[in-house]
Amino acid sequence: MAEEVAVRRRRQQEPTGQPRRIPQQKRGRERFEKILSVALELIEKNGSDALKMSEIVEKAELSFGALYQYFPDKSSIIRTLAERFNEQGRACVAAELAMVTDATTLRQALCNIADQYYGYFRQEPVMRDIWVATQADRLLQEVDAEDMEFHAQALFGRLEKLEPERNKEELLAIARLTMQILAAAVRYAISLDDEKGRTAIGLYQRMLPGDIARLA
């Protein structure tokens, strides 16, 4: 019997990477936001790897029960923060792609997206830390994958309009690879000091082909 209880307890403690619930009432939302705010402060100070639920409880002046009511584990907090940051990135990509009318403006849009993402991560080290965490944590990799697919589909939609006669599967493959390469370039650039990072982004931009859709 004791063994069954122990097994059941271990199962309950397995990380899920998902928030337990999103509060609807004002008091619950305020507590939810306070937890995230404290987590951001701690990540900015010590990094996401060092984030501890016990420190959040102490700094937010909550009980463990109150914390676990919303977030069952550290990964679920980082996931929520990552998804919020991703929303900002999606708005940037959508705004740039909305102005695309031809191959030249498409290339410029991709250059602008790289510039904005690089600047964003430089100015927001917490966001950079969380972005890296979503790639390193098995439970959070799906967040990064979902975000990449969103960007790829957005680019694919624009490529379809520029090249309606082209093979759709090839255009989608180009869109996915293009966004993966853009992300890899930014990821590499932010691992360097700012001067070298900007040089790396400039090199990526010069390497972009004049007409991406024609790669199909």
Protein backbone atom coordinates (compact mmCIF):
# COMPACT_ATOMS: atom_id res chain seq x y z
CA MET A 1 0.00 0.00 0.00
CA ALA A 2 2.82 2.39 0.96
CA GLU A 3 4.55 1.59 -2.33
CA GLU A 4 1.40 2.48 -4.32
CA VAL A 5 1.15 5.81 -2.51
CA ALA A 6 4.80 6.56 -3.29
CA VAL A 7 4.31 5.74 -6.95
CA ARG A 8 1.18 7.91 -7.10
CA ARG A 9 3.05 10.80 -5.46
CA ARG A 10 5.91 10.55 -7.97
CA ARG A 11 3.45 10.64 -10.84
CA GLN A 12 1.82 13.75 -9.48
CA GLN A 13 5.19 15.47 -9.23
CA GLU A 14 6.21 14.78 -12.81
CA PRO A 15 6.67 18.13 -14.59
CA THR A 16 4.04 18.94 -17.18
CA GLY A 17 5.20 22.25 -18.62
CA GLN A 18 1.59 23.48 -18.63
CA PRO A 19 -0.12 25.95 -16.27
CA ARG A 20 -2.71 24.19 -14.14
CA ARG A 21 -5.42 26.75 -14.86
CA ILE A 22 -5.93 30.33 -16.02
CA PRO A 23 -7.90 32.29 -13.41
CA GLN A 24 -11.04 34.15 -14.43
CA GLN A 25 -11.83 36.14 -11.31
CA LYS A 26 -9.99 39.38 -10.52
CA ARG A 27 -8.28 38.15 -7.36
CA GLY A 28 -7.05 35.02 -9.08
CA ARG A 29 -5.76 36.98 -12.08
CA GLU A 30 -3.90 39.37 -9.81
CA ARG A 31 -2.23 36.47 -8.01
CA PHE A 32 -1.44 34.81 -11.35
CA GLU A 33 0.21 37.99 -12.64
CA LYS A 34 2.10 38.49 -9.40
CA ILE A 35 3.63 35.04 -9.71
CA LEU A 36 4.76 35.78 -13.25
CA SER A 37 6.12 39.19 -12.26
CA VAL A 38 8.17 37.70 -9.42
CA ALA A 39 9.41 34.93 -11.72
CA LEU A 40 10.60 37.53 -14.22
CA GLU A 41 12.49 39.39 -11.51
CA LEU A 42 14.19 36.22 -10.34
CA ILE A 43 15.07 35.14 -13.88
CA GLU A 44 16.54 38.57 -14.60
CA LYS A 45 18.64 38.30 -11.46
CA ASN A 46 19.76 34.67 -11.56
CA GLY A 47 18.67 33.14 -14.89
CA SER A 48 15.93 30.63 -15.62
CA ASP A 49 18.09 27.63 -14.66
CA ALA A 50 18.31 28.94 -11.10
CA LEU A 51 14.58 29.69 -10.78
CA LYS A 52 13.10 27.91 -7.75
CA MET A 53 9.49 27.56 -6.73
CA SER A 54 10.48 28.16 -3.09
CA GLU A 55 11.94 31.56 -3.98
CA ILE A 56 8.77 32.53 -5.85
CA VAL A 57 6.69 31.57 -2.81
CA GLU A 58 8.88 33.65 -0.53
CA LYS A 59 9.13 36.74 -2.71
CA ALA A 60 5.47 36.70 -3.80
CA GLU A 61 4.39 36.08 -0.19
CA LEU A 62 2.26 33.12 -1.17
CA SER A 63 1.83 29.60 0.13
CA PHE A 64 3.03 26.64 -1.91
CA GLY A 65 -0.60 25.63 -2.26
CA ALA A 66 -1.48 28.99 -3.81
CA LEU A 67 1.43 28.75 -6.25
CA TYR A 68 0.69 25.17 -7.28
CA GLN A 69 -2.94 26.08 -7.79
CA TYR A 70 -1.82 27.88 -10.96
CA PHE A 71 1.60 26.50 -11.81
CA PRO A 72 2.48 22.87 -11.00
CA ASP A 73 6.17 23.29 -11.85
CA LYS A 74 8.85 25.71 -13.02
CA SER A 75 8.46 24.72 -16.65
CA SER A 76 4.83 25.83 -16.64
CA ILE A 77 5.88 29.32 -15.51
CA ILE A 78 8.59 29.61 -18.14
CA ARG A 79 6.18 28.32 -20.77
CA THR A 80 3.62 31.01 -19.92
CA LEU A 81 6.26 33.73 -20.10
CA ALA A 82 7.63 32.34 -23.37
CA GLU A 83 4.18 32.30 -24.97
CA ARG A 84 3.65 35.93 -23.98
CA PHE A 85 6.96 36.95 -25.47
CA ASN A 86 6.16 34.95 -28.60
CA GLU A 87 2.97 36.95 -29.07
CA GLN A 88 5.06 40.10 -29.33
CA GLY A 89 7.33 38.45 -31.88
CA ARG A 90 4.37 37.28 -33.94
CA ALA A 91 3.02 40.83 -34.06
CA CYS A 92 6.38 42.02 -35.40
CA VAL A 93 6.49 39.34 -38.10
CA ALA A 94 2.87 39.91 -39.11
CA ALA A 95 3.42 43.67 -39.42
CA GLU A 96 6.50 43.25 -41.62
CA LEU A 97 4.99 40.60 -43.88
CA ALA A 98 1.82 42.66 -44.30
CA MET A 99 3.86 45.23 -46.25
CA VAL A 100 5.31 42.69 -48.69
CA THR A 101 4.26 43.21 -52.32
CA ASP A 102 7.15 41.69 -54.28
CA ALA A 103 10.49 39.91 -53.97
CA THR A 104 12.34 43.09 -53.00
CA THR A 105 9.98 44.02 -50.17
CA LEU A 106 9.94 40.39 -48.99
CA ARG A 107 13.71 40.39 -48.67
CA GLN A 108 13.56 43.71 -46.82
CA ALA A 109 10.88 42.38 -44.48
CA LEU A 110 13.09 39.44 -43.51
CA CYS A 111 16.01 41.83 -42.93
CA ASN A 112 13.80 43.98 -40.72
CA ILE A 113 12.55 40.97 -38.76
CA ALA A 114 16.13 39.87 -38.07
CA ASP A 115 17.05 43.39 -36.94
CA GLN A 116 14.04 43.67 -34.66
CA TYR A 117 14.47 40.25 -33.09
CA TYR A 118 18.16 40.87 -32.50
CA GLY A 119 17.47 44.27 -30.92
CA TYR A 120 14.66 42.82 -28.85
CA PHE A 121 16.79 40.07 -27.38
CA ARG A 122 19.66 42.48 -26.71
CA GLN A 123 17.38 44.86 -24.84
CA GLU A 124 15.51 42.13 -22.98
CA PRO A 125 18.00 39.64 -21.48
CA VAL A 126 15.15 37.90 -19.63
CA MET A 127 13.42 37.19 -22.93
CA ARG A 128 16.69 35.91 -24.36
CA ASP A 129 17.15 33.60 -21.38
CA ILE A 130 13.61 32.26 -21.69
CA TRP A 131 14.01 31.74 -25.45
CA VAL A 132 17.11 29.65 -24.82
CA ALA A 133 15.28 27.74 -22.09
CA THR A 134 12.45 26.75 -24.45
CA GLN A 135 15.00 25.14 -26.75
CA ALA A 136 16.89 23.31 -24.01
CA ASP A 137 13.94 21.97 -22.00
CA ARG A 138 12.22 18.93 -23.52
CA LEU A 139 8.86 20.03 -22.10
CA LEU A 140 9.20 23.49 -23.63
CA GLN A 141 10.55 22.60 -27.05
CA GLU A 142 7.01 22.35 -28.39
CA VAL A 143 6.51 26.05 -27.54
CA ASP A 144 9.45 26.93 -29.78
CA ALA A 145 8.25 24.52 -32.47
CA GLU A 146 4.73 25.99 -32.45
CA ASP A 147 6.11 29.50 -32.71
CA MET A 148 8.37 28.56 -35.62
CA GLU A 149 5.46 26.94 -37.45
CA PHE A 150 3.35 30.06 -36.95
CA HIS A 151 6.04 32.20 -38.58
CA ALA A 152 6.54 29.67 -41.36
CA GLN A 153 2.82 29.63 -42.15
CA ALA A 154 2.73 33.44 -42.16
CA LEU A 155 5.60 33.55 -44.65
CA PHE A 156 4.04 30.74 -46.69
CA GLY A 157 0.84 32.75 -47.02
CA ARG A 158 2.80 35.66 -48.44
CA LEU A 159 4.79 33.43 -50.82
CA GLU A 160 1.55 31.93 -52.12
CA LYS A 161 0.35 35.39 -53.10
CA LEU A 162 3.64 36.30 -54.77
CA GLU A 163 3.97 33.00 -56.63
CA PRO A 164 0.44 31.50 -56.96
CA GLU A 165 1.52 29.12 -59.73
CA ARG A 166 4.33 27.55 -57.70
CA ASN A 167 4.16 24.16 -56.00
CA LYS A 168 2.61 24.66 -52.55
CA GLU A 169 4.68 22.00 -50.82
CA GLU A 170 7.90 23.51 -52.10
CA LEU A 171 6.84 27.00 -51.03
CA LEU A 172 5.97 25.73 -47.55
CA ALA A 173 9.33 23.98 -47.30
CA ILE A 174 11.07 27.23 -48.30
CA ALA A 175 9.03 29.17 -45.74
CA ARG A 176 9.89 26.76 -42.94
CA LEU A 177 13.59 26.65 -43.75
CA THR A 178 13.76 30.43 -44.21
CA MET A 179 12.35 31.07 -40.74
CA GLN A 180 14.55 28.41 -39.18
CA ILE A 181 17.64 30.00 -40.72
CA LEU A 182 16.54 33.45 -39.58
CA ALA A 183 16.09 32.18 -36.01
CA ALA A 184 19.45 30.41 -36.11
CA ALA A 185 21.15 33.61 -37.30
CA VAL A 186 19.62 35.62 -34.44
CA ARG A 187 20.44 32.87 -31.94
CA TYR A 188 24.06 32.90 -33.06
CA ALA A 189 24.27 36.70 -33.08
CA ILE A 190 23.01 37.13 -29.51
CA SER A 191 25.65 34.65 -28.29
CA LEU A 192 28.30 37.20 -29.33
CA ASP A 193 29.07 40.65 -28.00
CA ASP A 194 26.95 43.41 -29.52
CA GLU A 195 29.44 44.57 -32.16
CA LYS A 196 30.09 41.06 -33.45
CA GLY A 197 26.40 40.24 -33.14
CA ARG A 198 25.37 43.13 -35.37
CA THR A 199 28.05 42.12 -37.84
CA ALA A 200 26.63 38.58 -37.88
CA ILE A 201 23.10 39.88 -38.52
CA GLY A 202 24.43 42.06 -41.35
CA LEU A 203 26.16 39.04 -42.88
CA TYR A 204 22.95 37.01 -42.69
CA GLN A 205 21.06 39.83 -44.40
CA ARG A 206 23.60 40.03 -47.23
CA MET A 207 23.35 36.27 -47.72
CA LEU A 208 19.59 36.39 -48.32
CA PRO A 209 18.74 35.71 -51.96
CA GLY A 210 17.10 38.45 -53.98
CA ASP A 211 14.03 36.34 -54.67
CA ILE A 212 13.31 33.74 -52.01
CA ALA A 213 10.19 32.37 -53.70
CA ARG A 214 12.20 31.50 -56.80
CA LEU A 215 14.24 29.00 -54.79
CA ALA A 216 11.38 26.62 -55.50
